[in-house]
């Protein structure tokens, strides 16, 4: 689990969010409210798609382009369960939450690294 990750604010402009993601070299990020509660998730592909639709502009608030139904994990879940969830939902990462607070992020890459390290250390 990454404990250092990018979060975005729902009232941020789409263009600003996209710039932040590009600068931080991430493809997706949880979206939080002013109290840091999870309210959605966004991936770059969805933002690019949003911006190519007629009448959509970089100044639109991010909450108009994000996905509200977020697949999450909890800190106490085992890695195989999380891996199966990623596969089942065909997604690359999930926010790790404690209640509504985002405390980390687990990506498919993290899971692969975990299993590589497990096999290397044996």
N, C-alpha and C. Protein backbone atom coordinates (compact mmCIF):
# COMPACT_ATOMS: atom_id res chain seq x y z
N UNK A 1 0.84 -1.18 0.00
CA UNK A 1 0.00 0.00 0.00
C UNK A 1 0.89 1.24 0.00
N UNK A 2 0.54 2.16 -0.86
CA UNK A 2 1.21 3.46 -0.86
C UNK A 2 0.55 4.33 0.21
N UNK A 3 1.35 4.88 1.11
CA UNK A 3 0.79 5.83 2.06
C UNK A 3 1.04 7.26 1.60
N UNK A 4 1.87 7.41 0.57
CA UNK A 4 2.08 8.71 -0.07
C UNK A 4 1.42 8.63 -1.44
N UNK A 5 0.36 9.38 -1.61
CA UNK A 5 -0.41 9.32 -2.84
C UNK A 5 -1.07 10.67 -3.07
N UNK A 6 -1.56 10.86 -4.26
CA UNK A 6 -2.20 12.12 -4.64
C UNK A 6 -3.69 12.01 -4.38
N UNK A 7 -4.26 13.03 -3.75
CA UNK A 7 -5.71 13.17 -3.69
C UNK A 7 -6.08 14.48 -4.36
N UNK A 8 -7.26 14.51 -4.91
CA UNK A 8 -7.77 15.71 -5.57
C UNK A 8 -9.05 16.13 -4.87
N UNK A 9 -9.41 17.40 -5.04
CA UNK A 9 -10.62 17.94 -4.43
C UNK A 9 -11.72 18.03 -5.47
N UNK A 10 -12.93 17.69 -5.10
CA UNK A 10 -14.04 17.66 -6.04
C UNK A 10 -14.37 18.99 -6.69
N UNK A 11 -14.04 20.10 -6.02
CA UNK A 11 -14.35 21.41 -6.62
C UNK A 11 -13.18 21.99 -7.41
N UNK A 12 -12.09 21.23 -7.49
CA UNK A 12 -10.96 21.60 -8.34
C UNK A 12 -11.38 21.59 -9.81
N UNK A 13 -10.76 22.42 -10.61
CA UNK A 13 -11.06 22.41 -12.05
C UNK A 13 -10.45 21.17 -12.69
N UNK A 14 -11.13 20.64 -13.68
CA UNK A 14 -10.66 19.46 -14.41
C UNK A 14 -9.24 19.69 -14.94
N UNK A 15 -9.00 20.84 -15.53
CA UNK A 15 -7.67 21.14 -16.08
C UNK A 15 -6.59 21.16 -15.02
N UNK A 16 -6.89 21.72 -13.86
CA UNK A 16 -5.93 21.77 -12.75
C UNK A 16 -5.64 20.35 -12.26
N UNK A 17 -6.69 19.55 -12.13
CA UNK A 17 -6.53 18.16 -11.68
C UNK A 17 -5.66 17.38 -12.66
N UNK A 18 -5.90 17.57 -13.93
CA UNK A 18 -5.12 16.87 -14.96
C UNK A 18 -3.65 17.30 -14.90
N UNK A 19 -3.40 18.58 -14.71
CA UNK A 19 -2.02 19.07 -14.57
C UNK A 19 -1.35 18.46 -13.34
N UNK A 20 -2.07 18.40 -12.23
CA UNK A 20 -1.53 17.81 -11.01
C UNK A 20 -1.15 16.35 -11.24
N UNK A 21 -2.04 15.62 -11.89
CA UNK A 21 -1.77 14.20 -12.16
C UNK A 21 -0.56 14.04 -13.07
N UNK A 22 -0.44 14.89 -14.07
CA UNK A 22 0.72 14.83 -14.97
C UNK A 22 2.01 15.17 -14.23
N UNK A 23 1.98 16.21 -13.41
CA UNK A 23 3.17 16.62 -12.66
C UNK A 23 3.61 15.55 -11.67
N UNK A 24 2.64 14.91 -11.02
CA UNK A 24 2.95 13.88 -10.02
C UNK A 24 3.11 12.49 -10.62
N UNK A 25 2.91 12.41 -11.95
CA UNK A 25 3.09 11.16 -12.70
C UNK A 25 2.22 10.03 -12.17
N UNK A 26 0.93 10.35 -12.00
CA UNK A 26 -0.04 9.33 -11.60
C UNK A 26 -1.14 9.27 -12.65
N UNK A 27 -1.72 8.11 -12.80
CA UNK A 27 -2.80 7.94 -13.77
C UNK A 27 -4.18 8.06 -13.16
N UNK A 28 -4.26 8.01 -11.85
CA UNK A 28 -5.55 8.12 -11.18
C UNK A 28 -5.36 8.62 -9.77
N UNK A 29 -6.47 9.11 -9.19
CA UNK A 29 -6.39 9.64 -7.84
C UNK A 29 -7.76 9.63 -7.18
N UNK A 30 -7.80 9.35 -5.87
CA UNK A 30 -9.05 9.50 -5.14
C UNK A 30 -9.43 10.98 -5.08
N UNK A 31 -10.73 11.23 -5.06
CA UNK A 31 -11.24 12.59 -4.94
C UNK A 31 -11.88 12.70 -3.56
N UNK A 32 -11.51 13.76 -2.83
CA UNK A 32 -11.98 13.93 -1.46
C UNK A 32 -12.70 15.27 -1.30
N UNK A 33 -13.52 15.35 -0.24
CA UNK A 33 -14.20 16.61 0.07
C UNK A 33 -13.32 17.44 1.01
N UNK A 34 -13.86 18.54 1.50
CA UNK A 34 -13.07 19.44 2.35
C UNK A 34 -12.66 18.81 3.68
N UNK A 35 -13.38 17.75 4.08
CA UNK A 35 -13.05 17.03 5.31
C UNK A 35 -12.17 15.81 5.05
N UNK A 36 -11.67 15.71 3.83
CA UNK A 36 -10.80 14.61 3.40
C UNK A 36 -11.52 13.26 3.34
N UNK A 37 -12.85 13.29 3.18
CA UNK A 37 -13.62 12.06 3.00
C UNK A 37 -13.67 11.70 1.52
N UNK A 38 -13.58 10.41 1.23
CA UNK A 38 -13.63 9.93 -0.14
C UNK A 38 -15.00 10.20 -0.76
N UNK A 39 -15.01 10.86 -1.91
CA UNK A 39 -16.28 11.11 -2.61
C UNK A 39 -16.27 10.58 -4.04
N UNK A 40 -15.09 10.18 -4.53
CA UNK A 40 -15.02 9.68 -5.89
C UNK A 40 -13.61 9.29 -6.27
N UNK A 41 -13.45 8.97 -7.54
CA UNK A 41 -12.12 8.64 -8.07
C UNK A 41 -12.07 9.11 -9.51
N UNK A 42 -10.88 9.42 -9.97
CA UNK A 42 -10.73 9.89 -11.34
C UNK A 42 -9.46 9.29 -11.94
N UNK A 43 -9.53 8.97 -13.22
CA UNK A 43 -8.35 8.52 -13.96
C UNK A 43 -8.18 9.44 -15.17
N UNK A 44 -6.93 9.59 -15.59
CA UNK A 44 -6.63 10.51 -16.70
C UNK A 44 -7.46 10.21 -17.94
N UNK A 45 -7.59 8.95 -18.27
CA UNK A 45 -8.35 8.57 -19.47
C UNK A 45 -9.76 9.16 -19.42
N UNK A 46 -10.39 9.09 -18.26
CA UNK A 46 -11.75 9.64 -18.13
C UNK A 46 -11.77 11.16 -18.28
N UNK A 47 -10.73 11.82 -17.79
CA UNK A 47 -10.67 13.28 -17.94
C UNK A 47 -10.47 13.67 -19.40
N UNK A 48 -9.61 12.95 -20.10
CA UNK A 48 -9.41 13.24 -21.53
C UNK A 48 -10.71 13.01 -22.30
N UNK A 49 -11.39 11.93 -21.98
CA UNK A 49 -12.66 11.62 -22.64
C UNK A 49 -13.69 12.72 -22.34
N UNK A 50 -13.75 13.15 -21.08
CA UNK A 50 -14.66 14.22 -20.66
C UNK A 50 -14.40 15.48 -21.47
N UNK A 51 -13.13 15.83 -21.63
CA UNK A 51 -12.77 17.07 -22.32
C UNK A 51 -13.02 17.02 -23.82
N UNK A 52 -13.11 15.83 -24.40
CA UNK A 52 -13.37 15.74 -25.84
C UNK A 52 -14.85 15.82 -26.17
N UNK A 53 -15.71 15.72 -25.16
CA UNK A 53 -17.14 15.82 -25.41
C UNK A 53 -17.52 17.28 -25.60
N UNK A 54 -18.44 17.50 -26.48
CA UNK A 54 -18.87 18.86 -26.82
C UNK A 54 -19.40 19.59 -25.59
N UNK A 55 -18.96 20.82 -25.43
CA UNK A 55 -19.42 21.67 -24.34
C UNK A 55 -18.74 21.42 -23.01
N UNK A 56 -17.68 20.63 -23.00
CA UNK A 56 -16.95 20.36 -21.76
C UNK A 56 -15.63 21.13 -21.80
N UNK A 57 -15.29 21.75 -20.68
CA UNK A 57 -14.12 22.62 -20.64
C UNK A 57 -13.23 22.30 -19.44
N UNK A 58 -11.94 22.64 -19.53
CA UNK A 58 -11.02 22.40 -18.42
C UNK A 58 -11.42 23.13 -17.13
N UNK A 59 -12.23 24.17 -17.23
CA UNK A 59 -12.64 24.94 -16.05
C UNK A 59 -13.78 24.27 -15.28
N UNK A 60 -14.38 23.22 -15.84
CA UNK A 60 -15.47 22.52 -15.14
C UNK A 60 -14.92 21.92 -13.84
N UNK A 61 -15.76 21.85 -12.80
CA UNK A 61 -15.31 21.22 -11.56
C UNK A 61 -15.12 19.72 -11.74
N UNK A 62 -14.14 19.20 -11.06
CA UNK A 62 -13.80 17.78 -11.16
C UNK A 62 -14.97 16.87 -10.81
N UNK A 63 -15.82 17.31 -9.91
CA UNK A 63 -16.94 16.44 -9.52
C UNK A 63 -17.93 16.19 -10.66
N UNK A 64 -17.79 16.91 -11.76
CA UNK A 64 -18.62 16.65 -12.95
C UNK A 64 -18.01 15.59 -13.85
N UNK A 65 -16.75 15.23 -13.60
CA UNK A 65 -16.05 14.27 -14.46
C UNK A 65 -15.63 13.00 -13.73
N UNK A 66 -15.72 12.99 -12.41
CA UNK A 66 -15.22 11.85 -11.65
C UNK A 66 -16.24 10.71 -11.59
N UNK A 67 -15.77 9.56 -11.15
CA UNK A 67 -16.63 8.41 -10.90
C UNK A 67 -17.01 8.43 -9.43
N UNK A 68 -18.30 8.36 -9.16
CA UNK A 68 -18.77 8.42 -7.77
C UNK A 68 -18.77 7.06 -7.08
N UNK A 69 -19.00 6.00 -7.84
CA UNK A 69 -19.01 4.66 -7.25
C UNK A 69 -17.57 4.15 -7.22
N UNK A 70 -16.99 4.13 -6.02
CA UNK A 70 -15.57 3.80 -5.87
C UNK A 70 -15.43 2.42 -5.24
N UNK A 71 -14.63 1.59 -5.86
CA UNK A 71 -14.26 0.30 -5.30
C UNK A 71 -13.11 0.56 -4.35
N UNK A 72 -13.22 0.10 -3.10
CA UNK A 72 -12.20 0.39 -2.09
C UNK A 72 -11.69 -0.89 -1.45
N UNK A 73 -10.67 -0.73 -0.62
CA UNK A 73 -10.15 -1.80 0.22
C UNK A 73 -9.94 -1.23 1.61
N UNK A 74 -9.81 -2.12 2.58
CA UNK A 74 -9.48 -1.69 3.94
C UNK A 74 -8.09 -2.20 4.29
N UNK A 75 -7.49 -1.59 5.28
CA UNK A 75 -6.11 -1.90 5.64
C UNK A 75 -5.94 -3.35 6.10
N UNK A 76 -6.98 -3.94 6.66
CA UNK A 76 -6.86 -5.30 7.20
C UNK A 76 -7.15 -6.40 6.18
N UNK A 77 -7.48 -6.04 4.95
CA UNK A 77 -7.75 -7.05 3.93
C UNK A 77 -6.44 -7.65 3.42
N UNK A 78 -6.48 -8.96 3.13
CA UNK A 78 -5.27 -9.59 2.61
C UNK A 78 -5.11 -9.24 1.12
N UNK A 79 -3.89 -9.35 0.67
CA UNK A 79 -3.52 -8.90 -0.67
C UNK A 79 -4.21 -9.70 -1.77
N UNK A 80 -4.45 -10.97 -1.54
CA UNK A 80 -5.12 -11.80 -2.56
C UNK A 80 -6.56 -11.33 -2.75
N UNK A 81 -7.24 -10.99 -1.67
CA UNK A 81 -8.62 -10.48 -1.77
C UNK A 81 -8.66 -9.19 -2.57
N UNK A 82 -7.71 -8.30 -2.30
CA UNK A 82 -7.65 -7.03 -3.03
C UNK A 82 -7.31 -7.28 -4.50
N UNK A 83 -6.39 -8.20 -4.76
CA UNK A 83 -6.03 -8.53 -6.15
C UNK A 83 -7.23 -9.06 -6.91
N UNK A 84 -8.01 -9.93 -6.28
CA UNK A 84 -9.21 -10.46 -6.93
C UNK A 84 -10.22 -9.35 -7.22
N UNK A 85 -10.33 -8.40 -6.30
CA UNK A 85 -11.26 -7.28 -6.51
C UNK A 85 -10.82 -6.43 -7.70
N UNK A 86 -9.53 -6.15 -7.81
CA UNK A 86 -9.02 -5.39 -8.96
C UNK A 86 -9.35 -6.12 -10.26
N UNK A 87 -9.11 -7.41 -10.26
CA UNK A 87 -9.35 -8.22 -11.47
C UNK A 87 -10.83 -8.27 -11.82
N UNK A 88 -11.67 -8.51 -10.80
CA UNK A 88 -13.12 -8.63 -11.01
C UNK A 88 -13.72 -7.35 -11.59
N UNK A 89 -13.22 -6.22 -11.12
CA UNK A 89 -13.77 -4.93 -11.57
C UNK A 89 -12.96 -4.31 -12.70
N UNK A 90 -11.90 -5.00 -13.14
CA UNK A 90 -11.06 -4.54 -14.24
C UNK A 90 -10.53 -3.12 -13.99
N UNK A 91 -9.96 -2.93 -12.80
CA UNK A 91 -9.39 -1.64 -12.43
C UNK A 91 -7.93 -1.83 -12.04
N UNK A 92 -7.19 -0.74 -12.04
CA UNK A 92 -5.74 -0.79 -11.81
C UNK A 92 -5.34 -0.47 -10.36
N UNK A 93 -6.24 0.16 -9.59
CA UNK A 93 -5.89 0.54 -8.22
C UNK A 93 -7.16 0.78 -7.42
N UNK A 94 -7.02 0.66 -6.09
CA UNK A 94 -8.13 0.98 -5.19
C UNK A 94 -7.61 1.84 -4.04
N UNK A 95 -8.42 2.82 -3.62
CA UNK A 95 -8.08 3.55 -2.41
C UNK A 95 -8.26 2.62 -1.20
N UNK A 96 -7.38 2.75 -0.24
CA UNK A 96 -7.52 2.04 1.03
C UNK A 96 -8.14 3.03 2.00
N UNK A 97 -9.25 2.62 2.63
CA UNK A 97 -9.99 3.55 3.46
C UNK A 97 -10.12 3.05 4.89
N UNK A 98 -10.24 4.01 5.79
CA UNK A 98 -10.61 3.77 7.18
C UNK A 98 -11.87 4.59 7.38
N UNK A 99 -13.02 3.93 7.31
CA UNK A 99 -14.28 4.67 7.25
C UNK A 99 -14.37 5.35 5.89
N UNK A 100 -14.47 6.67 5.89
CA UNK A 100 -14.48 7.43 4.63
C UNK A 100 -13.13 8.09 4.34
N UNK A 101 -12.19 7.97 5.26
CA UNK A 101 -10.87 8.60 5.10
C UNK A 101 -9.96 7.73 4.25
N UNK A 102 -9.33 8.34 3.26
CA UNK A 102 -8.37 7.63 2.42
C UNK A 102 -7.03 7.60 3.15
N UNK A 103 -6.52 6.38 3.39
CA UNK A 103 -5.26 6.24 4.11
C UNK A 103 -4.15 5.65 3.24
N UNK A 104 -4.50 5.25 2.04
CA UNK A 104 -3.50 4.67 1.15
C UNK A 104 -4.09 4.32 -0.20
N UNK A 105 -3.26 3.70 -1.01
CA UNK A 105 -3.67 3.30 -2.34
C UNK A 105 -2.94 2.00 -2.67
N UNK A 106 -3.66 1.02 -3.19
CA UNK A 106 -3.04 -0.23 -3.64
C UNK A 106 -3.26 -0.36 -5.13
N UNK A 107 -2.15 -0.54 -5.85
CA UNK A 107 -2.23 -0.67 -7.31
C UNK A 107 -1.88 -2.10 -7.71
N UNK A 108 -2.23 -2.43 -8.93
CA UNK A 108 -1.86 -3.73 -9.48
C UNK A 108 -0.34 -3.91 -9.43
N UNK A 109 0.37 -2.84 -9.69
CA UNK A 109 1.84 -2.87 -9.63
C UNK A 109 2.32 -3.23 -8.22
N UNK A 110 1.68 -2.68 -7.18
CA UNK A 110 2.04 -3.01 -5.80
C UNK A 110 1.87 -4.50 -5.53
N UNK A 111 0.78 -5.06 -6.05
CA UNK A 111 0.50 -6.47 -5.83
C UNK A 111 1.54 -7.35 -6.53
N UNK A 112 1.87 -7.01 -7.76
CA UNK A 112 2.90 -7.76 -8.48
C UNK A 112 4.23 -7.67 -7.73
N UNK A 113 4.60 -6.47 -7.29
CA UNK A 113 5.84 -6.28 -6.53
C UNK A 113 5.85 -7.12 -5.26
N UNK A 114 4.72 -7.16 -4.57
CA UNK A 114 4.61 -7.95 -3.34
C UNK A 114 4.94 -9.42 -3.62
N UNK A 115 4.32 -9.98 -4.65
CA UNK A 115 4.54 -11.40 -4.94
C UNK A 115 5.95 -11.67 -5.47
N UNK A 116 6.51 -10.74 -6.20
CA UNK A 116 7.91 -10.89 -6.64
C UNK A 116 8.83 -10.92 -5.43
N UNK A 117 8.61 -9.99 -4.49
CA UNK A 117 9.43 -9.94 -3.28
C UNK A 117 9.25 -11.18 -2.42
N UNK A 118 8.04 -11.69 -2.34
CA UNK A 118 7.78 -12.91 -1.57
C UNK A 118 8.58 -14.08 -2.14
N UNK A 119 8.59 -14.21 -3.45
CA UNK A 119 9.30 -15.31 -4.10
C UNK A 119 10.80 -15.12 -4.05
N UNK A 120 11.25 -13.88 -4.06
CA UNK A 120 12.68 -13.59 -4.02
C UNK A 120 13.25 -13.86 -2.63
N UNK A 121 12.45 -13.60 -1.59
CA UNK A 121 12.92 -13.73 -0.21
C UNK A 121 12.88 -15.16 0.30
N UNK A 122 12.30 -16.07 -0.43
CA UNK A 122 12.20 -17.46 0.05
C UNK A 122 13.47 -18.22 -0.20
